[in-house]
Amino acid sequence: MLTNLDVLILTILGGLFINPRRYRSCWTAVLAALATGIATGAVYMLVTRVLLPWLGVTP
């Protein structure tokens, strides 16, 4: 399981999965990268901290 620092790094790097050329301005690309990073970190936290222990699986 990753530590909270690793999740923060994953959240920051999660924005690298978007293609900035498909957005009309720099600000929308930055906001999309931020939203993607936050969503990536949130899904990881949800799966590892909530769902796996609830299912009885120890990571």
Protein backbone atom coordinates (compact mmCIF):
# COMPACT_ATOMS: atom_id res chain seq x y z
CA MET A 1 0.00 0.00 0.00
CA LEU A 2 1.26 3.46 -0.79
CA THR A 3 1.84 6.09 1.86
CA ASN A 4 0.04 9.42 1.86
CA LEU A 5 3.08 11.06 0.24
CA ASP A 6 2.95 8.53 -2.59
CA VAL A 7 -0.75 9.24 -3.08
CA LEU A 8 0.05 12.96 -3.27
CA ILE A 9 2.70 12.28 -5.92
CA LEU A 10 0.24 10.06 -7.79
CA THR A 11 -2.32 12.87 -7.64
CA ILE A 12 0.12 15.38 -9.09
CA LEU A 13 1.30 12.99 -11.81
CA GLY A 14 -2.26 11.90 -12.61
CA GLY A 15 -2.70 15.06 -14.65
CA LEU A 16 -0.07 13.84 -17.09
CA PHE A 17 -2.62 11.44 -18.57
CA ILE A 18 -4.45 14.21 -20.41
CA ASN A 19 -3.64 15.62 -23.84
CA PRO A 20 -3.28 19.42 -23.44
CA ARG A 21 -3.60 20.03 -27.19
CA ARG A 22 -7.29 19.18 -27.18
CA TYR A 23 -8.15 22.17 -24.98
CA ARG A 24 -8.66 25.67 -26.32
CA SER A 25 -6.71 27.51 -23.67
CA CYS A 26 -3.93 26.82 -21.23
CA TRP A 27 -6.22 27.32 -18.25
CA THR A 28 -8.68 24.63 -19.29
CA ALA A 29 -5.78 22.21 -19.81
CA VAL A 30 -4.41 23.03 -16.35
CA LEU A 31 -7.84 22.60 -14.76
CA ALA A 32 -8.33 19.30 -16.58
CA ALA A 33 -4.94 18.08 -15.37
CA LEU A 34 -5.81 19.10 -11.83
CA ALA A 35 -9.20 17.39 -11.97
CA THR A 36 -7.68 14.23 -13.43
CA GLY A 37 -5.01 14.15 -10.74
CA ILE A 38 -7.52 14.64 -7.94
CA ALA A 39 -9.78 11.95 -9.37
CA THR A 40 -6.86 9.52 -9.69
CA GLY A 41 -5.83 10.05 -6.08
CA ALA A 42 -9.41 9.84 -4.83
CA VAL A 43 -10.08 6.56 -6.62
CA TYR A 44 -6.87 5.07 -5.28
CA MET A 45 -7.73 6.15 -1.73
CA LEU A 46 -11.27 4.79 -2.09
CA VAL A 47 -10.13 1.41 -3.35
CA THR A 48 -7.21 0.83 -0.99
CA ARG A 49 -8.49 2.47 2.20
CA VAL A 50 -12.23 1.68 2.01
CA LEU A 51 -13.21 -1.06 -0.44
CA LEU A 52 -10.42 -3.59 0.09
CA PRO A 53 -10.74 -3.68 3.91
CA TRP A 54 -14.53 -3.79 3.55
CA LEU A 55 -14.18 -6.84 1.30
CA GLY A 56 -11.79 -8.45 3.76
CA VAL A 57 -8.74 -8.16 1.50
CA THR A 58 -5.53 -6.94 3.09
CA PRO A 59 -3.34 -5.07 0.61
